[in-house]
Structure formats: C-alpha cells, structure tokens
N, C-alpha and C. Protein backbone atom coordinates (compact mmCIF):
# COMPACT_ATOMS: atom_id res chain seq x y z
N MET A 1 -3.83 18.99 -43.44
CA MET A 1 -4.12 19.16 -44.84
C MET A 1 -4.29 17.80 -45.53
N LYS A 2 -3.44 16.83 -45.14
CA LYS A 2 -3.51 15.50 -45.75
C LYS A 2 -4.87 14.85 -45.45
N ARG A 3 -5.35 15.01 -44.22
CA ARG A 3 -6.64 14.42 -43.86
C ARG A 3 -7.76 15.03 -44.70
N MET A 4 -7.66 16.33 -44.95
CA MET A 4 -8.67 17.00 -45.77
C MET A 4 -8.64 16.48 -47.19
N ALA A 5 -7.45 16.30 -47.73
CA ALA A 5 -7.31 15.77 -49.09
C ALA A 5 -7.86 14.35 -49.16
N ASP A 6 -7.59 13.56 -48.14
CA ASP A 6 -8.11 12.18 -48.10
C ASP A 6 -9.64 12.17 -48.10
N LEU A 7 -10.24 13.07 -47.33
CA LEU A 7 -11.70 13.15 -47.29
C LEU A 7 -12.28 13.48 -48.66
N LEU A 8 -11.64 14.42 -49.34
CA LEU A 8 -12.12 14.79 -50.68
C LEU A 8 -11.99 13.62 -51.66
N ARG A 9 -10.88 12.89 -51.56
CA ARG A 9 -10.68 11.73 -52.44
C ARG A 9 -11.73 10.64 -52.17
N GLN A 10 -12.20 10.58 -50.95
CA GLN A 10 -13.19 9.55 -50.57
C GLN A 10 -14.61 9.97 -50.92
N GLY A 11 -14.77 11.14 -51.52
CA GLY A 11 -16.10 11.57 -51.95
C GLY A 11 -16.79 12.55 -51.03
N SER A 12 -16.10 13.01 -49.99
CA SER A 12 -16.69 14.02 -49.10
C SER A 12 -16.67 15.36 -49.80
N THR A 13 -17.54 16.26 -49.35
CA THR A 13 -17.56 17.60 -49.93
C THR A 13 -17.24 18.63 -48.86
N LEU A 14 -16.52 19.65 -49.27
CA LEU A 14 -16.18 20.75 -48.38
C LEU A 14 -17.40 21.65 -48.25
N THR A 15 -17.74 22.02 -47.02
CA THR A 15 -18.90 22.89 -46.80
C THR A 15 -18.43 24.31 -46.46
N GLU A 16 -19.37 25.22 -46.38
CA GLU A 16 -19.07 26.59 -46.00
C GLU A 16 -19.06 26.74 -44.47
N LEU A 17 -19.36 25.67 -43.78
CA LEU A 17 -19.46 25.69 -42.32
C LEU A 17 -18.09 25.50 -41.67
N ALA A 18 -17.94 26.04 -40.46
CA ALA A 18 -16.70 25.90 -39.71
C ALA A 18 -16.96 25.13 -38.41
N CYS A 19 -15.97 24.40 -37.98
CA CYS A 19 -16.06 23.64 -36.74
C CYS A 19 -16.21 24.61 -35.57
N PRO A 20 -17.19 24.37 -34.68
CA PRO A 20 -17.37 25.26 -33.54
C PRO A 20 -16.21 25.17 -32.53
N ALA A 21 -15.43 24.09 -32.57
CA ALA A 21 -14.34 23.92 -31.62
C ALA A 21 -13.03 24.52 -32.10
N CYS A 22 -12.73 24.36 -33.43
CA CYS A 22 -11.41 24.78 -33.92
C CYS A 22 -11.48 25.73 -35.11
N ALA A 23 -12.66 26.00 -35.63
CA ALA A 23 -12.90 26.90 -36.77
C ALA A 23 -12.37 26.35 -38.09
N SER A 24 -11.99 25.09 -38.13
CA SER A 24 -11.56 24.45 -39.37
C SER A 24 -12.78 24.18 -40.24
N PRO A 25 -12.62 24.16 -41.57
CA PRO A 25 -13.78 23.88 -42.43
C PRO A 25 -14.33 22.47 -42.19
N LEU A 26 -15.64 22.36 -42.30
CA LEU A 26 -16.30 21.07 -42.11
C LEU A 26 -16.54 20.39 -43.45
N PHE A 27 -16.50 19.07 -43.43
CA PHE A 27 -16.75 18.26 -44.61
C PHE A 27 -18.05 17.50 -44.43
N ARG A 28 -18.80 17.33 -45.50
CA ARG A 28 -19.99 16.49 -45.48
C ARG A 28 -19.58 15.14 -46.05
N LEU A 29 -19.66 14.12 -45.21
CA LEU A 29 -19.30 12.77 -45.64
C LEU A 29 -20.37 12.22 -46.57
N ARG A 30 -20.06 11.14 -47.22
CA ARG A 30 -21.01 10.54 -48.17
C ARG A 30 -22.29 10.09 -47.49
N ASN A 31 -22.22 9.78 -46.19
CA ASN A 31 -23.43 9.36 -45.45
C ASN A 31 -24.23 10.54 -44.93
N GLY A 32 -23.74 11.78 -45.20
CA GLY A 32 -24.47 12.97 -44.80
C GLY A 32 -23.98 13.62 -43.52
N ASP A 33 -23.14 12.93 -42.76
CA ASP A 33 -22.62 13.49 -41.52
C ASP A 33 -21.65 14.62 -41.79
N LEU A 34 -21.59 15.57 -40.86
CA LEU A 34 -20.58 16.62 -40.91
C LEU A 34 -19.36 16.15 -40.13
N TRP A 35 -18.16 16.43 -40.65
CA TRP A 35 -16.93 15.94 -40.05
C TRP A 35 -15.87 17.03 -40.02
N CYS A 36 -15.19 17.14 -38.89
CA CYS A 36 -14.06 18.06 -38.78
C CYS A 36 -12.78 17.24 -38.94
N ALA A 37 -12.01 17.54 -39.99
CA ALA A 37 -10.78 16.80 -40.26
C ALA A 37 -9.72 17.10 -39.20
N LYS A 38 -9.71 18.30 -38.68
CA LYS A 38 -8.70 18.68 -37.69
C LYS A 38 -8.97 18.01 -36.34
N CYS A 39 -10.20 18.09 -35.87
CA CYS A 39 -10.57 17.48 -34.59
C CYS A 39 -10.78 15.97 -34.72
N GLU A 40 -10.99 15.51 -35.95
CA GLU A 40 -11.31 14.11 -36.25
C GLU A 40 -12.55 13.66 -35.49
N LYS A 41 -13.59 14.50 -35.56
CA LYS A 41 -14.85 14.20 -34.88
C LYS A 41 -16.04 14.58 -35.74
N LYS A 42 -17.12 13.87 -35.48
CA LYS A 42 -18.40 14.21 -36.10
C LYS A 42 -18.92 15.49 -35.45
N VAL A 43 -19.51 16.35 -36.26
CA VAL A 43 -20.05 17.61 -35.76
C VAL A 43 -21.55 17.61 -36.01
N ILE A 44 -22.30 17.97 -34.98
CA ILE A 44 -23.75 18.04 -35.10
C ILE A 44 -24.16 19.47 -34.83
N LEU A 45 -24.87 20.04 -35.77
CA LEU A 45 -25.34 21.42 -35.63
C LEU A 45 -26.72 21.42 -35.00
N ILE A 46 -26.91 22.32 -34.06
CA ILE A 46 -28.20 22.50 -33.42
C ILE A 46 -28.75 23.83 -33.91
N LYS A 47 -29.92 23.77 -34.51
CA LYS A 47 -30.55 24.98 -35.04
C LYS A 47 -31.08 25.83 -33.90
N GLU A 48 -31.16 27.11 -34.15
CA GLU A 48 -31.68 28.03 -33.16
C GLU A 48 -33.10 27.61 -32.77
N GLY A 49 -33.33 27.56 -31.49
CA GLY A 49 -34.65 27.18 -31.00
C GLY A 49 -34.78 25.69 -30.71
N GLU A 50 -33.83 24.87 -31.19
CA GLU A 50 -33.88 23.44 -30.92
C GLU A 50 -33.38 23.17 -29.50
N ASP A 51 -33.93 22.15 -28.88
CA ASP A 51 -33.53 21.77 -27.53
C ASP A 51 -32.35 20.81 -27.62
N PRO A 52 -31.16 21.20 -27.15
CA PRO A 52 -29.99 20.32 -27.25
C PRO A 52 -30.12 19.05 -26.42
N THR A 53 -30.94 19.06 -25.37
CA THR A 53 -31.06 17.86 -24.54
C THR A 53 -31.74 16.73 -25.31
N ILE A 54 -32.65 17.06 -26.21
CA ILE A 54 -33.30 16.03 -27.02
C ILE A 54 -32.27 15.36 -27.92
N LEU A 55 -31.42 16.17 -28.54
CA LEU A 55 -30.37 15.64 -29.40
C LEU A 55 -29.38 14.81 -28.60
N GLN A 56 -28.99 15.29 -27.43
CA GLN A 56 -28.06 14.55 -26.59
C GLN A 56 -28.65 13.21 -26.17
N SER A 57 -29.92 13.19 -25.85
CA SER A 57 -30.59 11.94 -25.48
C SER A 57 -30.60 10.97 -26.65
N SER A 58 -30.90 11.49 -27.82
CA SER A 58 -30.93 10.65 -29.02
C SER A 58 -29.55 10.05 -29.30
N LEU A 59 -28.51 10.87 -29.17
CA LEU A 59 -27.15 10.38 -29.39
C LEU A 59 -26.76 9.33 -28.36
N ALA A 60 -27.11 9.58 -27.10
CA ALA A 60 -26.79 8.63 -26.04
C ALA A 60 -27.49 7.29 -26.28
N LEU A 61 -28.76 7.35 -26.68
CA LEU A 61 -29.50 6.11 -26.96
C LEU A 61 -28.91 5.39 -28.15
N GLY A 62 -28.47 6.14 -29.16
CA GLY A 62 -27.83 5.52 -30.32
C GLY A 62 -26.54 4.82 -29.94
N ASP A 63 -25.74 5.47 -29.08
CA ASP A 63 -24.50 4.85 -28.61
C ASP A 63 -24.79 3.60 -27.80
N LEU A 64 -25.80 3.67 -26.95
CA LEU A 64 -26.17 2.52 -26.14
C LEU A 64 -26.63 1.37 -27.02
N GLU A 65 -27.41 1.68 -28.04
CA GLU A 65 -27.88 0.65 -28.97
C GLU A 65 -26.69 -0.03 -29.66
N MET A 66 -25.72 0.76 -30.10
CA MET A 66 -24.54 0.19 -30.77
C MET A 66 -23.73 -0.69 -29.80
N THR A 67 -23.62 -0.26 -28.55
CA THR A 67 -22.90 -1.05 -27.55
C THR A 67 -23.61 -2.38 -27.31
N LEU A 68 -24.93 -2.34 -27.17
CA LEU A 68 -25.69 -3.56 -26.96
C LEU A 68 -25.56 -4.51 -28.15
N LEU A 69 -25.61 -3.97 -29.36
CA LEU A 69 -25.45 -4.81 -30.55
C LEU A 69 -24.08 -5.47 -30.59
N ALA A 70 -23.04 -4.72 -30.20
CA ALA A 70 -21.69 -5.28 -30.17
C ALA A 70 -21.59 -6.40 -29.13
N LYS A 71 -22.20 -6.19 -27.97
CA LYS A 71 -22.17 -7.21 -26.92
C LYS A 71 -22.98 -8.45 -27.32
N ILE A 72 -24.07 -8.24 -28.01
CA ILE A 72 -24.86 -9.37 -28.50
C ILE A 72 -24.02 -10.19 -29.47
N GLN A 73 -23.32 -9.51 -30.35
CA GLN A 73 -22.47 -10.22 -31.32
C GLN A 73 -21.34 -10.96 -30.61
N GLU A 74 -20.71 -10.33 -29.62
CA GLU A 74 -19.64 -10.99 -28.87
C GLU A 74 -20.16 -12.24 -28.17
N THR A 75 -21.34 -12.12 -27.57
CA THR A 75 -21.95 -13.26 -26.86
C THR A 75 -22.28 -14.38 -27.83
N GLN A 76 -22.78 -14.03 -28.99
CA GLN A 76 -23.12 -15.04 -30.00
C GLN A 76 -21.87 -15.80 -30.44
N VAL A 77 -20.76 -15.10 -30.60
CA VAL A 77 -19.51 -15.76 -31.01
C VAL A 77 -19.05 -16.71 -29.91
N LYS A 78 -19.14 -16.27 -28.64
CA LYS A 78 -18.76 -17.14 -27.53
C LYS A 78 -19.64 -18.38 -27.48
N MET A 79 -20.95 -18.20 -27.71
CA MET A 79 -21.88 -19.33 -27.68
C MET A 79 -21.56 -20.34 -28.78
N LYS A 80 -21.17 -19.83 -29.91
CA LYS A 80 -20.89 -20.68 -31.06
C LYS A 80 -19.76 -21.67 -30.78
N HIS A 81 -18.79 -21.24 -29.96
CA HIS A 81 -17.62 -22.07 -29.71
C HIS A 81 -17.66 -22.77 -28.35
N GLU A 82 -18.69 -22.51 -27.58
CA GLU A 82 -18.77 -23.08 -26.23
C GLU A 82 -19.41 -24.46 -26.27
N GLU A 83 -18.84 -25.38 -25.50
CA GLU A 83 -19.40 -26.74 -25.43
C GLU A 83 -19.92 -27.06 -24.04
N ASN A 84 -19.49 -26.32 -23.03
CA ASN A 84 -19.91 -26.54 -21.66
C ASN A 84 -21.36 -26.06 -21.50
N VAL A 85 -22.22 -26.99 -21.07
CA VAL A 85 -23.65 -26.69 -20.95
C VAL A 85 -23.92 -25.58 -19.93
N ASP A 86 -23.22 -25.62 -18.80
CA ASP A 86 -23.43 -24.58 -17.79
C ASP A 86 -23.05 -23.21 -18.33
N GLU A 87 -21.94 -23.16 -19.04
CA GLU A 87 -21.50 -21.89 -19.62
C GLU A 87 -22.47 -21.42 -20.70
N LEU A 88 -23.01 -22.36 -21.47
CA LEU A 88 -24.01 -22.01 -22.49
C LEU A 88 -25.26 -21.43 -21.85
N GLN A 89 -25.66 -21.97 -20.71
CA GLN A 89 -26.83 -21.43 -20.01
C GLN A 89 -26.57 -20.00 -19.54
N LYS A 90 -25.37 -19.76 -19.02
CA LYS A 90 -25.01 -18.40 -18.58
C LYS A 90 -25.00 -17.44 -19.76
N LEU A 91 -24.42 -17.88 -20.86
CA LEU A 91 -24.38 -17.04 -22.05
C LEU A 91 -25.78 -16.79 -22.60
N GLY A 92 -26.64 -17.83 -22.52
CA GLY A 92 -28.03 -17.67 -22.97
C GLY A 92 -28.77 -16.64 -22.14
N ALA A 93 -28.57 -16.68 -20.82
CA ALA A 93 -29.21 -15.70 -19.94
C ALA A 93 -28.68 -14.30 -20.22
N LEU A 94 -27.38 -14.20 -20.46
CA LEU A 94 -26.78 -12.91 -20.80
C LEU A 94 -27.37 -12.37 -22.10
N LEU A 95 -27.45 -13.24 -23.09
CA LEU A 95 -28.00 -12.86 -24.39
C LEU A 95 -29.46 -12.40 -24.26
N SER A 96 -30.21 -13.12 -23.46
CA SER A 96 -31.61 -12.75 -23.24
C SER A 96 -31.71 -11.35 -22.63
N GLY A 97 -30.89 -11.08 -21.63
CA GLY A 97 -30.89 -9.76 -21.00
C GLY A 97 -30.47 -8.66 -21.96
N LEU A 98 -29.46 -8.93 -22.77
CA LEU A 98 -29.01 -7.95 -23.75
C LEU A 98 -30.12 -7.65 -24.77
N LEU A 99 -30.80 -8.68 -25.22
CA LEU A 99 -31.88 -8.49 -26.19
C LEU A 99 -33.05 -7.71 -25.58
N GLU A 100 -33.37 -7.99 -24.32
CA GLU A 100 -34.43 -7.23 -23.65
C GLU A 100 -34.06 -5.76 -23.56
N ASN A 101 -32.81 -5.49 -23.19
CA ASN A 101 -32.37 -4.09 -23.09
C ASN A 101 -32.35 -3.41 -24.44
N LEU A 102 -31.96 -4.13 -25.48
CA LEU A 102 -31.97 -3.57 -26.83
C LEU A 102 -33.39 -3.19 -27.23
N GLU A 103 -34.34 -4.07 -26.93
CA GLU A 103 -35.75 -3.79 -27.24
C GLU A 103 -36.23 -2.54 -26.50
N LYS A 104 -35.84 -2.40 -25.23
CA LYS A 104 -36.24 -1.24 -24.43
C LYS A 104 -35.64 0.05 -25.01
N VAL A 105 -34.38 0.01 -25.39
CA VAL A 105 -33.73 1.19 -25.96
C VAL A 105 -34.43 1.59 -27.26
N ARG A 106 -34.73 0.62 -28.10
CA ARG A 106 -35.39 0.93 -29.36
C ARG A 106 -36.79 1.46 -29.14
N LYS A 107 -37.46 0.98 -28.12
CA LYS A 107 -38.81 1.47 -27.81
C LYS A 107 -38.72 2.93 -27.35
N VAL A 108 -37.75 3.26 -26.52
CA VAL A 108 -37.57 4.63 -26.02
C VAL A 108 -37.19 5.56 -27.18
N LYS A 109 -36.38 5.07 -28.11
CA LYS A 109 -35.98 5.90 -29.26
C LYS A 109 -37.17 6.29 -30.12
N ARG A 110 -38.20 5.44 -30.18
CA ARG A 110 -39.39 5.71 -31.00
C ARG A 110 -40.29 6.77 -30.37
N ILE A 111 -40.16 6.97 -29.07
CA ILE A 111 -41.05 7.92 -28.36
C ILE A 111 -40.68 9.34 -28.72
C-alpha cells in the first residue's frame, strides 16, 4: 500500500488495468510506462493480434543498447584517469569495439 501511495505522490496515475502476474492495479508513470507496485516491475501489454516476439526483440535490443552505453561510459572514465600508454591503447580498442556494436544495435532497431 505504501508503494502505491508513493507512486501517486510522484505523479503516477492509477489505471483500470490489472497486473497479469498478481492482479494488482497498474499505475501509469509520468513517462507513460505501466508499473506494478506489488511486483515492482514494468508491465507491457500486448494487444490481440500483435506478435510478442517483435516486442521481445525490441526490449532485448533496448537492454543491449543501455548495457553498451554503460560500458562506453565506464571505459571513458577509465581512459580519463589512465596514464599508461599501453593501457590507453587497450581501452581505445575496447571503446572502438563498443561503439561499433552500439552502431550495429541501433541500425537493427531501425529495421
């Protein structure tokens, strides 16, 4: 109940929808996402006739993109403080590979 009250205080709205896992009411967050306060998870509704594999692929690519961005940021921080030239070269190669993979993921997401 406290989590539900916190969501309302933060500007979320209570919807008429129920969580498919626990039947608890769903909240619409300010960013538009549906959220189950009991499960503490984002809920994605699939409309009748929609292919769930397309949605799953999109979510997986989004997660991969976020992971790559986090690793790019971690690598950048390490490079900023590194003085050893050999280590900087390794970090540069790592960064290059991460950026290439990020570009590939974004290209696939557009298809």
